[in-house]
């Protein structure tokens, strides 16, 4: 970790950002007091299609009837006609 002043950061921001991108961490001071930390953002690795499929396979199965019962309990069962909602556009 390096400590730089606000002025150093302002005057050399491109070089500082290049160093941060390369993994360096900086603490920035103003009037001798540390006020900020510049560090690389943790990059998330993209999952492959195979990894996504494997994650999907490990998900718990969804019980549609139970899901509907919970939704009706939470939202109130009389808000929509279930047959019309699920069958709309089919037929």
Protein backbone atom coordinates (compact mmCIF):
# COMPACT_ATOMS: atom_id res chain seq x y z
CA UNK A 1 0.00 0.00 0.00
CA UNK A 2 1.24 3.46 -0.93
CA UNK A 3 0.24 6.77 0.62
CA UNK A 4 -0.11 9.78 -1.67
CA UNK A 5 -1.46 13.29 -1.23
CA UNK A 6 -4.58 14.58 -2.89
CA UNK A 7 -2.37 16.81 -5.04
CA UNK A 8 -0.19 13.87 -6.13
CA UNK A 9 -3.32 11.96 -7.06
CA UNK A 10 -4.71 14.90 -9.03
CA UNK A 11 -1.43 15.52 -10.87
CA UNK A 12 -0.70 11.84 -11.59
CA UNK A 13 -4.17 10.33 -11.71
CA UNK A 14 -3.60 8.36 -14.93
CA UNK A 15 -0.45 6.71 -13.58
CA UNK A 16 -2.10 6.04 -10.22
CA UNK A 17 -5.14 4.47 -11.88
CA UNK A 18 -2.87 2.31 -14.04
CA UNK A 19 -1.11 1.08 -10.89
CA UNK A 20 -4.46 0.41 -9.19
CA UNK A 21 -5.61 -1.53 -12.22
CA UNK A 22 -2.40 -3.57 -11.95
CA UNK A 23 -3.23 -4.43 -8.32
CA UNK A 24 -1.69 -1.63 -6.26
CA UNK A 25 -3.59 -0.02 -3.37
CA UNK A 26 -3.25 3.66 -2.45
CA UNK A 27 -4.35 5.70 0.53
CA UNK A 28 -4.97 9.33 -0.37
CA UNK A 29 -4.35 12.06 2.21
CA UNK A 30 -5.69 15.58 2.54
CA UNK A 31 -3.87 17.87 4.94
CA UNK A 32 -1.99 14.85 6.29
CA UNK A 33 -5.14 12.86 7.08
CA UNK A 34 -6.02 9.70 5.16
CA UNK A 35 -9.38 10.27 3.49
CA UNK A 36 -9.64 7.63 0.78
CA UNK A 37 -8.46 4.24 -0.32
CA UNK A 38 -8.02 3.38 -3.98
CA UNK A 39 -7.90 -0.33 -4.65
CA UNK A 40 -8.72 -2.66 -7.50
CA UNK A 41 -12.29 -3.84 -7.82
CA UNK A 42 -12.67 -7.55 -7.28
CA UNK A 43 -13.57 -8.97 -10.66
CA UNK A 44 -16.14 -11.75 -10.79
CA UNK A 45 -15.28 -14.58 -13.07
CA UNK A 46 -17.90 -15.34 -15.72
CA UNK A 47 -19.32 -18.81 -15.43
CA UNK A 48 -19.21 -21.19 -18.36
CA UNK A 49 -22.42 -22.63 -19.81
CA UNK A 50 -21.57 -25.97 -18.20
CA UNK A 51 -21.14 -24.36 -14.79
CA UNK A 52 -24.49 -22.60 -15.13
CA UNK A 53 -26.22 -25.83 -16.11
CA UNK A 54 -24.67 -27.62 -13.12
CA UNK A 55 -25.83 -24.86 -10.75
CA UNK A 56 -29.33 -25.09 -12.21
CA UNK A 57 -29.39 -28.87 -11.66
CA UNK A 58 -28.60 -28.38 -7.96
CA UNK A 59 -31.52 -26.00 -7.39
CA UNK A 60 -34.40 -27.32 -5.34
CA UNK A 61 -37.46 -28.22 -7.41
CA UNK A 62 -40.34 -25.74 -7.35
CA UNK A 63 -43.70 -26.98 -6.15
CA UNK A 64 -46.06 -24.87 -8.28
CA UNK A 65 -49.12 -25.65 -6.14
CA UNK A 66 -47.34 -24.61 -2.94
CA UNK A 67 -45.95 -21.51 -4.64
CA UNK A 68 -49.47 -20.53 -5.72
CA UNK A 69 -50.83 -21.12 -2.20
CA UNK A 70 -48.12 -18.90 -0.71
CA UNK A 71 -48.79 -16.19 -3.30
CA UNK A 72 -52.52 -16.31 -2.60
CA UNK A 73 -51.85 -16.12 1.14
CA UNK A 74 -49.54 -13.15 0.72
CA UNK A 75 -51.47 -11.30 -1.99
CA UNK A 76 -54.98 -12.50 -1.27
CA UNK A 77 -56.56 -15.27 -3.29
CA UNK A 78 -59.39 -13.20 -4.71
CA UNK A 79 -57.27 -10.74 -6.67
CA UNK A 80 -57.12 -12.68 -9.94
CA UNK A 81 -58.97 -15.52 -11.56
CA UNK A 82 -56.32 -18.25 -11.57
CA UNK A 83 -57.74 -20.12 -14.55
CA UNK A 84 -57.90 -16.98 -16.69
CA UNK A 85 -54.41 -15.80 -15.66
CA UNK A 86 -52.65 -19.07 -16.41
CA UNK A 87 -54.60 -19.86 -19.54
CA UNK A 88 -54.56 -16.40 -21.12
CA UNK A 89 -53.25 -16.61 -24.67
CA UNK A 90 -53.39 -20.42 -24.76
CA UNK A 91 -56.10 -21.76 -26.80
